[in-house]
Structure formats: C-alpha cells, structure tokens
C-alpha cells in the first residue's frame, strides 16, 4: 500500500517534470549551462518509464528518481528564472 502511494507520487512528479521540460524553450537550457532540451527530455522519458515499470525502489528506479530530483531541484528553477516564469510558486 505504502509502496504503491510512493510509486504514484514519484511517477506523477516524473510526468510533471517531463511535461515541464518539453514545453520550455530550447535556448533556456543552454543559457543556464545545463544539458540541452532534447537531452533532458530524453533523460526524463527514460526515468519516467523506469519508475512506472520497475518501481522507484528498484536499482533502476532509484536512478530515475535521482534524475527527476536533479531536474526539479536544479534545472527547472534556473530555466524558469531565465524565462521569467513561475511554476508552482509565487514571484
């Protein structure tokens, strides 16, 4: 039960991160010295699939969770800042 809830929560976070990366301008990623947009979208697609197929507590799932966390904590705020956007937070 608890593992199911964790899987759903992390899986949804992965999907939201993937959608966020997909709708950003490509130059925003390079402007903040991060990997390119196609690279991040690819990483997040693989991470999302791994999390949903193998679970977030498997070895591959943990790697997927780390990828999503890096995007959410490091890349997303910087790309939003450079574009003047504010997802999920007030300015």
Protein backbone atom coordinates (compact mmCIF):
# COMPACT_ATOMS: atom_id res chain seq x y z
CA UNK A 1 0.00 0.00 0.00
CA UNK A 2 2.67 2.50 1.04
CA UNK A 3 4.95 1.49 -1.84
CA UNK A 4 2.03 1.99 -4.24
CA UNK A 5 1.45 5.51 -2.95
CA UNK A 6 5.16 6.30 -3.20
CA UNK A 7 5.24 4.94 -6.75
CA UNK A 8 2.26 7.05 -7.79
CA UNK A 9 3.64 10.22 -6.17
CA UNK A 10 7.08 9.85 -7.72
CA UNK A 11 5.60 8.75 -11.06
CA UNK A 12 3.39 11.83 -11.20
CA UNK A 13 6.36 14.05 -10.31
CA UNK A 14 8.30 12.45 -13.17
CA UNK A 15 5.45 13.10 -15.61
CA UNK A 16 5.10 16.73 -14.49
CA UNK A 17 8.87 17.20 -14.85
CA UNK A 18 8.77 15.69 -18.33
CA UNK A 19 5.93 17.97 -19.41
CA UNK A 20 7.74 20.97 -17.95
CA UNK A 21 10.94 20.14 -19.85
CA UNK A 22 9.01 19.56 -23.07
CA UNK A 23 7.33 22.99 -23.06
CA UNK A 24 10.44 25.05 -22.28
CA UNK A 25 12.35 27.00 -24.90
CA UNK A 26 15.45 25.09 -26.06
CA UNK A 27 17.75 28.07 -25.51
CA UNK A 28 16.79 28.29 -21.83
CA UNK A 29 18.71 25.11 -21.06
CA UNK A 30 21.92 26.21 -22.73
CA UNK A 31 21.61 29.71 -21.29
CA UNK A 32 21.86 28.30 -17.76
CA UNK A 33 24.74 25.94 -18.72
CA UNK A 34 22.72 22.74 -18.49
CA UNK A 35 22.29 19.85 -20.90
CA UNK A 36 20.23 20.58 -24.00
CA UNK A 37 16.45 20.35 -24.07
CA UNK A 38 16.43 17.07 -26.08
CA UNK A 39 18.89 15.55 -23.60
CA UNK A 40 16.72 16.44 -20.60
CA UNK A 41 13.52 15.33 -22.29
CA UNK A 42 15.19 12.02 -23.16
CA UNK A 43 16.50 11.54 -19.62
CA UNK A 44 13.08 12.29 -18.15
CA UNK A 45 11.28 9.97 -20.61
CA UNK A 46 13.58 7.11 -19.62
CA UNK A 47 13.32 7.98 -15.92
CA UNK A 48 9.51 8.11 -16.09
CA UNK A 49 9.30 4.75 -17.87
CA UNK A 50 11.72 3.12 -15.44
CA UNK A 51 9.87 4.47 -12.39
CA UNK A 52 6.49 3.23 -13.67
CA UNK A 53 7.76 -0.13 -14.98
CA UNK A 54 10.20 -1.17 -12.26
CA UNK A 55 9.11 0.96 -9.31
CA UNK A 56 11.01 3.75 -7.59
CA UNK A 57 12.67 1.40 -5.10
CA UNK A 58 14.44 -0.80 -7.64
CA UNK A 59 18.03 0.00 -8.62
CA UNK A 60 16.97 1.48 -11.96
CA UNK A 61 14.06 3.23 -10.25
CA UNK A 62 16.38 4.94 -7.79
CA UNK A 63 18.49 6.20 -10.69
CA UNK A 64 15.29 7.50 -12.32
CA UNK A 65 14.22 9.22 -9.10
CA UNK A 66 17.62 10.89 -8.83
CA UNK A 67 17.33 12.15 -12.42
CA UNK A 68 13.88 13.61 -11.71
CA UNK A 69 15.11 15.22 -8.49
CA UNK A 70 18.09 16.82 -10.25
CA UNK A 71 15.71 18.30 -12.81
CA UNK A 72 13.21 19.53 -10.21
CA UNK A 73 15.76 20.98 -7.80
CA UNK A 74 18.41 22.33 -10.17
CA UNK A 75 17.34 22.66 -13.79
CA UNK A 76 13.66 23.66 -13.52
CA UNK A 77 14.16 26.65 -11.21
CA UNK A 78 17.00 28.02 -13.32
CA UNK A 79 15.17 27.66 -16.64
CA UNK A 80 12.07 29.24 -15.11
CA UNK A 81 14.14 32.10 -13.70
CA UNK A 82 15.81 32.92 -17.00
CA UNK A 83 12.42 32.92 -18.79
CA UNK A 84 10.64 34.87 -16.06
CA UNK A 85 8.20 32.02 -15.36
CA UNK A 86 6.98 30.78 -12.01
CA UNK A 87 5.56 27.25 -11.93
CA UNK A 88 4.18 26.19 -8.56
CA UNK A 89 5.45 29.26 -6.72
CA UNK A 90 4.66 32.94 -6.35
CA UNK A 91 7.01 35.66 -7.54
